[in-house]
């Protein structure tokens, strides 16, 4: 009930501010009246945007909390990989770990790249 009374008051205020130009000759009052009237025209659209913004904000907070809980319980896959010594590494993984391209000879340990 209070919102409708407030909306009616803003409607009268906006039209009064626009018509006040004839008496006061102040353009700023007219601009304020136009802004109020544009707000009243688009009030439903603005409310939907605000609701969707809050809804997305709540969803993001929940997903951040869930991700934080998941990362606490999840084992780091990098550590899991580094503990396996028996597996053969691909050339890309070897280059990433050593920092250079290894030669075919095991005795030759020069930095090629």
N, C-alpha and C. Protein backbone atom coordinates (compact mmCIF):
# COMPACT_ATOMS: atom_id res chain seq x y z
N UNK A 1 0.82 -1.18 0.00
CA UNK A 1 0.00 0.00 0.00
C UNK A 1 0.86 1.25 0.00
N UNK A 2 1.95 1.21 0.75
CA UNK A 2 2.81 2.38 0.83
C UNK A 2 3.51 2.65 -0.49
N UNK A 3 3.84 1.56 -1.23
CA UNK A 3 4.51 1.75 -2.51
C UNK A 3 3.60 2.46 -3.51
N UNK A 4 2.33 2.09 -3.50
CA UNK A 4 1.42 2.74 -4.45
C UNK A 4 1.24 4.21 -4.09
N UNK A 5 1.19 4.53 -2.80
CA UNK A 5 1.08 5.93 -2.41
C UNK A 5 2.34 6.69 -2.80
N UNK A 6 3.48 6.05 -2.63
CA UNK A 6 4.74 6.67 -3.01
C UNK A 6 4.79 6.87 -4.52
N UNK A 7 4.34 5.86 -5.29
CA UNK A 7 4.33 5.99 -6.75
C UNK A 7 3.41 7.12 -7.20
N UNK A 8 2.25 7.25 -6.56
CA UNK A 8 1.34 8.33 -6.92
C UNK A 8 1.96 9.68 -6.59
N UNK A 9 2.66 9.76 -5.47
CA UNK A 9 3.31 11.01 -5.09
C UNK A 9 4.41 11.37 -6.09
N UNK A 10 5.17 10.36 -6.54
CA UNK A 10 6.22 10.63 -7.53
C UNK A 10 5.61 11.03 -8.86
N UNK A 11 4.46 10.44 -9.22
CA UNK A 11 3.79 10.83 -10.46
C UNK A 11 3.40 12.30 -10.43
N UNK A 12 2.78 12.72 -9.34
CA UNK A 12 2.38 14.12 -9.23
C UNK A 12 3.60 15.03 -9.15
N UNK A 13 4.63 14.59 -8.44
CA UNK A 13 5.84 15.40 -8.31
C UNK A 13 6.52 15.57 -9.67
N UNK A 14 6.60 14.49 -10.45
CA UNK A 14 7.28 14.58 -11.75
C UNK A 14 6.54 15.51 -12.70
N UNK A 15 5.22 15.39 -12.74
CA UNK A 15 4.46 16.31 -13.62
C UNK A 15 4.54 17.75 -13.12
N UNK A 16 4.55 17.93 -11.81
CA UNK A 16 4.67 19.28 -11.24
C UNK A 16 6.03 19.88 -11.57
N UNK A 17 7.08 19.09 -11.49
CA UNK A 17 8.41 19.59 -11.80
C UNK A 17 8.54 19.96 -13.28
N UNK A 18 7.92 19.17 -14.15
CA UNK A 18 7.97 19.49 -15.57
C UNK A 18 7.21 20.79 -15.86
N UNK A 19 6.03 20.96 -15.27
CA UNK A 19 5.23 22.17 -15.51
C UNK A 19 5.75 23.39 -14.75
N UNK A 20 6.67 23.16 -13.81
CA UNK A 20 7.22 24.29 -13.06
C UNK A 20 8.11 25.18 -13.93
N UNK A 21 8.49 24.68 -15.09
CA UNK A 21 9.33 25.49 -15.98
C UNK A 21 8.61 26.79 -16.40
N UNK A 22 7.30 26.71 -16.54
CA UNK A 22 6.55 27.90 -16.96
C UNK A 22 6.59 29.00 -15.91
N UNK A 23 6.75 28.64 -14.66
CA UNK A 23 6.72 29.64 -13.60
C UNK A 23 8.13 30.00 -13.10
N UNK A 24 8.99 28.99 -12.95
CA UNK A 24 10.30 29.21 -12.34
C UNK A 24 11.40 29.37 -13.39
N UNK A 25 11.23 28.80 -14.58
CA UNK A 25 12.20 28.84 -15.67
C UNK A 25 13.54 28.22 -15.26
N UNK A 26 13.46 27.03 -14.65
CA UNK A 26 14.65 26.30 -14.25
C UNK A 26 14.63 24.94 -14.93
N UNK A 27 15.59 24.72 -15.82
CA UNK A 27 15.62 23.49 -16.61
C UNK A 27 15.99 22.27 -15.77
N UNK A 28 16.73 22.46 -14.68
CA UNK A 28 17.14 21.33 -13.85
C UNK A 28 15.93 20.66 -13.20
N UNK A 29 14.94 21.44 -12.81
CA UNK A 29 13.72 20.85 -12.24
C UNK A 29 12.98 20.03 -13.28
N UNK A 30 13.00 20.48 -14.53
CA UNK A 30 12.36 19.73 -15.61
C UNK A 30 13.09 18.41 -15.83
N UNK A 31 14.40 18.43 -15.83
CA UNK A 31 15.17 17.19 -16.01
C UNK A 31 14.93 16.20 -14.89
N UNK A 32 14.84 16.70 -13.67
CA UNK A 32 14.54 15.82 -12.53
C UNK A 32 13.14 15.21 -12.69
N UNK A 33 12.19 16.01 -13.13
CA UNK A 33 10.83 15.50 -13.37
C UNK A 33 10.81 14.45 -14.46
N UNK A 34 11.59 14.64 -15.51
CA UNK A 34 11.66 13.65 -16.60
C UNK A 34 12.30 12.36 -16.09
N UNK A 35 13.33 12.47 -15.28
CA UNK A 35 13.97 11.27 -14.72
C UNK A 35 12.99 10.49 -13.85
N UNK A 36 12.22 11.19 -13.02
CA UNK A 36 11.21 10.51 -12.20
C UNK A 36 10.18 9.81 -13.07
N UNK A 37 9.73 10.46 -14.13
CA UNK A 37 8.71 9.84 -14.98
C UNK A 37 9.26 8.64 -15.74
N UNK A 38 10.52 8.70 -16.18
CA UNK A 38 11.13 7.54 -16.85
C UNK A 38 11.27 6.39 -15.86
N UNK A 39 11.60 6.70 -14.62
CA UNK A 39 11.69 5.66 -13.58
C UNK A 39 10.32 5.00 -13.38
N UNK A 40 9.27 5.80 -13.33
CA UNK A 40 7.93 5.23 -13.11
C UNK A 40 7.48 4.38 -14.29
N UNK A 41 7.87 4.78 -15.50
CA UNK A 41 7.49 4.00 -16.67
C UNK A 41 8.17 2.64 -16.65
N UNK A 42 9.42 2.60 -16.25
CA UNK A 42 10.22 1.38 -16.30
C UNK A 42 10.40 0.71 -14.94
N UNK A 43 9.53 0.97 -13.99
CA UNK A 43 9.71 0.45 -12.62
C UNK A 43 9.66 -1.07 -12.57
N UNK A 44 8.78 -1.69 -13.37
CA UNK A 44 8.70 -3.16 -13.37
C UNK A 44 9.98 -3.78 -13.95
N UNK A 45 10.48 -3.19 -15.02
CA UNK A 45 11.71 -3.68 -15.63
C UNK A 45 12.89 -3.53 -14.67
N UNK A 46 12.97 -2.41 -14.00
CA UNK A 46 14.05 -2.16 -13.05
C UNK A 46 13.98 -3.15 -11.89
N UNK A 47 12.78 -3.43 -11.39
CA UNK A 47 12.63 -4.38 -10.29
C UNK A 47 13.05 -5.79 -10.72
N UNK A 48 12.71 -6.18 -11.97
CA UNK A 48 13.12 -7.50 -12.45
C UNK A 48 14.65 -7.60 -12.55
N UNK A 49 15.29 -6.54 -13.01
CA UNK A 49 16.75 -6.55 -13.11
C UNK A 49 17.38 -6.66 -11.72
N UNK A 50 16.84 -5.93 -10.76
CA UNK A 50 17.38 -5.97 -9.39
C UNK A 50 17.21 -7.36 -8.79
N UNK A 51 16.04 -7.97 -9.00
CA UNK A 51 15.80 -9.32 -8.47
C UNK A 51 16.73 -10.34 -9.11
N UNK A 52 16.93 -10.24 -10.42
CA UNK A 52 17.82 -11.20 -11.08
C UNK A 52 19.27 -10.98 -10.64
N UNK A 53 19.65 -9.72 -10.39
CA UNK A 53 20.99 -9.42 -9.91
C UNK A 53 21.22 -10.06 -8.55
N UNK A 54 20.28 -9.90 -7.63
CA UNK A 54 20.41 -10.51 -6.31
C UNK A 54 20.38 -12.03 -6.39
N UNK A 55 19.56 -12.56 -7.28
CA UNK A 55 19.48 -14.00 -7.45
C UNK A 55 20.82 -14.55 -7.95
N UNK A 56 21.42 -13.89 -8.93
CA UNK A 56 22.73 -14.32 -9.43
C UNK A 56 23.81 -14.16 -8.38
N UNK A 57 23.71 -13.10 -7.59
CA UNK A 57 24.69 -12.87 -6.54
C UNK A 57 24.64 -13.99 -5.49
N UNK A 58 23.44 -14.40 -5.12
CA UNK A 58 23.27 -15.48 -4.14
C UNK A 58 23.79 -16.79 -4.73
N UNK A 59 23.50 -17.05 -6.01
CA UNK A 59 23.98 -18.28 -6.65
C UNK A 59 25.50 -18.30 -6.71
N UNK A 60 26.13 -17.17 -6.99
CA UNK A 60 27.59 -17.12 -7.04
C UNK A 60 28.18 -17.38 -5.66
N UNK A 61 27.56 -16.81 -4.63
CA UNK A 61 28.07 -17.03 -3.28
C UNK A 61 27.97 -18.51 -2.90
N UNK A 62 26.85 -19.14 -3.26
CA UNK A 62 26.68 -20.55 -2.95
C UNK A 62 27.69 -21.40 -3.72
N UNK A 63 27.93 -21.08 -4.98
CA UNK A 63 28.88 -21.86 -5.76
C UNK A 63 30.30 -21.67 -5.23
N UNK A 64 30.62 -20.46 -4.78
CA UNK A 64 31.95 -20.22 -4.21
C UNK A 64 32.12 -21.02 -2.93
N UNK A 65 31.08 -21.07 -2.10
CA UNK A 65 31.15 -21.85 -0.86
C UNK A 65 31.29 -23.33 -1.17
N UNK A 66 30.54 -23.83 -2.17
CA UNK A 66 30.64 -25.24 -2.53
C UNK A 66 32.03 -25.56 -3.09
N UNK A 67 32.57 -24.66 -3.92
CA UNK A 67 33.91 -24.89 -4.47
C UNK A 67 34.95 -24.89 -3.38
N UNK A 68 34.78 -24.03 -2.39
CA UNK A 68 35.75 -24.01 -1.29
C UNK A 68 35.70 -25.32 -0.50
N UNK A 69 34.52 -25.85 -0.30
CA UNK A 69 34.40 -27.13 0.40
C UNK A 69 34.98 -28.26 -0.43
N UNK A 70 34.76 -28.24 -1.76
CA UNK A 70 35.29 -29.29 -2.62
C UNK A 70 36.81 -29.27 -2.68
N UNK A 71 37.39 -28.09 -2.73
CA UNK A 71 38.85 -28.02 -2.82
C UNK A 71 39.51 -28.47 -1.53
N UNK A 72 38.83 -28.33 -0.41
CA UNK A 72 39.40 -28.80 0.86
C UNK A 72 39.47 -30.32 0.89
N UNK A 73 38.47 -30.99 0.34
CA UNK A 73 38.42 -32.44 0.39
C UNK A 73 39.14 -33.09 -0.79
N UNK A 74 39.33 -32.36 -1.89
CA UNK A 74 39.93 -32.93 -3.08
C UNK A 74 41.45 -32.97 -2.95
N UNK A 75 42.03 -34.06 -3.44
CA UNK A 75 43.49 -34.19 -3.43
C UNK A 75 44.02 -33.46 -4.65
N UNK A 76 45.12 -32.78 -4.48
CA UNK A 76 45.73 -32.02 -5.57
C UNK A 76 46.24 -32.99 -6.64
N UNK A 77 45.78 -32.88 -7.91
CA UNK A 77 46.18 -33.84 -8.93
C UNK A 77 47.66 -33.73 -9.30
N UNK A 78 48.27 -32.59 -9.11
CA UNK A 78 49.69 -32.45 -9.41
C UNK A 78 50.51 -33.29 -8.45
N UNK A 79 50.16 -33.25 -7.17
CA UNK A 79 50.87 -34.06 -6.19
C UNK A 79 50.65 -35.55 -6.44
N UNK A 80 49.46 -35.91 -6.87
CA UNK A 80 49.17 -37.30 -7.16
C UNK A 80 50.03 -37.79 -8.32
N UNK A 81 50.24 -36.95 -9.33
CA UNK A 81 51.06 -37.32 -10.47
C UNK A 81 52.52 -37.45 -10.08
N UNK A 82 52.99 -36.54 -9.27
CA UNK A 82 54.41 -36.53 -8.94
C UNK A 82 54.81 -37.70 -8.04
N UNK A 83 53.88 -38.33 -7.37
CA UNK A 83 54.22 -39.46 -6.52
C UNK A 83 54.38 -40.75 -7.31
N UNK A 84 53.86 -40.80 -8.51
CA UNK A 84 54.00 -41.99 -9.33
C UNK A 84 55.34 -41.96 -10.04
N UNK A 85 56.24 -42.82 -9.63
CA UNK A 85 57.59 -42.86 -10.21
C UNK A 85 57.70 -43.90 -11.33
N UNK A 86 56.78 -44.91 -11.36
CA UNK A 86 56.94 -46.00 -12.31
C UNK A 86 56.45 -45.63 -13.72
N UNK A 87 55.59 -44.64 -13.84
CA UNK A 87 55.02 -44.34 -15.15
C UNK A 87 56.03 -43.59 -16.01
N UNK A 88 55.96 -43.85 -17.32
CA UNK A 88 56.84 -43.17 -18.25
C UNK A 88 56.21 -41.83 -18.61
N UNK A 89 57.03 -40.80 -18.62
CA UNK A 89 56.54 -39.47 -18.95
C UNK A 89 56.61 -39.27 -20.46
N UNK A 90 55.65 -38.52 -20.97
CA UNK A 90 55.70 -38.18 -22.39
C UNK A 90 56.77 -37.12 -22.59
N UNK A 91 57.09 -36.84 -23.83
CA UNK A 91 58.12 -35.86 -24.14
C UNK A 91 57.75 -34.47 -23.62
N UNK A 92 56.48 -34.12 -23.75
CA UNK A 92 56.02 -32.80 -23.28
C UNK A 92 56.18 -32.69 -21.77
N UNK A 93 55.78 -33.73 -21.04
CA UNK A 93 55.91 -33.69 -19.58
C UNK A 93 57.37 -33.64 -19.16
N UNK A 94 58.24 -34.37 -19.89
CA UNK A 94 59.66 -34.36 -19.58
C UNK A 94 60.25 -32.97 -19.79
N UNK A 95 59.87 -32.32 -20.89
CA UNK A 95 60.36 -30.97 -21.16
C UNK A 95 59.88 -30.01 -20.08
N UNK A 96 58.62 -30.16 -19.66
CA UNK A 96 58.09 -29.29 -18.61
C UNK A 96 58.83 -29.47 -17.29
N UNK A 97 59.14 -30.70 -16.95
CA UNK A 97 59.81 -30.95 -15.67
C UNK A 97 61.29 -30.57 -15.71
N UNK A 98 62.00 -30.98 -16.78
CA UNK A 98 63.43 -30.75 -16.83
C UNK A 98 63.78 -29.34 -17.30
N UNK A 99 62.96 -28.77 -18.16
CA UNK A 99 63.23 -27.44 -18.68
C UNK A 99 64.06 -27.46 -19.95
N UNK A 100 64.42 -28.63 -20.47
CA UNK A 100 65.17 -28.73 -21.73
C UNK A 100 64.78 -30.03 -22.41
N UNK A 101 65.12 -30.11 -23.68
CA UNK A 101 64.82 -31.31 -24.45
C UNK A 101 65.93 -32.32 -24.20
N UNK A 102 65.60 -33.48 -23.66
CA UNK A 102 66.66 -34.47 -23.37
C UNK A 102 67.14 -35.14 -24.65
N UNK A 103 68.41 -35.53 -24.63
CA UNK A 103 68.96 -36.22 -25.79
C UNK A 103 68.66 -37.71 -25.69
N UNK A 104 68.93 -38.42 -26.78
CA UNK A 104 68.67 -39.85 -26.78
C UNK A 104 69.66 -40.60 -25.91
N UNK A 105 70.88 -40.08 -25.82
CA UNK A 105 71.89 -40.71 -24.98
C UNK A 105 71.64 -40.33 -23.53
N UNK A 106 71.61 -41.29 -22.66
CA UNK A 106 71.37 -41.02 -21.25
C UNK A 106 72.58 -40.37 -20.58
N UNK A 107 73.79 -40.62 -21.12
CA UNK A 107 75.01 -40.08 -20.53
C UNK A 107 75.20 -38.59 -20.86
N UNK A 108 74.63 -38.15 -21.96
CA UNK A 108 74.81 -36.76 -22.41
C UNK A 108 73.78 -35.90 -21.70
N UNK A 109 74.20 -35.07 -20.74
CA UNK A 109 73.27 -34.23 -19.98
C UNK A 109 73.50 -32.75 -20.28
N UNK A 110 73.61 -32.40 -21.53
CA UNK A 110 73.78 -30.99 -21.88
C UNK A 110 72.43 -30.35 -22.10
N UNK A 111 72.34 -29.07 -21.81
CA UNK A 111 71.11 -28.34 -22.03
C UNK A 111 71.01 -27.95 -23.50
N UNK A 112 70.18 -28.65 -24.24
CA UNK A 112 70.08 -28.45 -25.67
C UNK A 112 69.28 -27.18 -25.98
N UNK A 113 68.19 -27.02 -25.34
CA UNK A 113 67.33 -25.88 -25.69
C UNK A 113 67.56 -24.72 -24.80
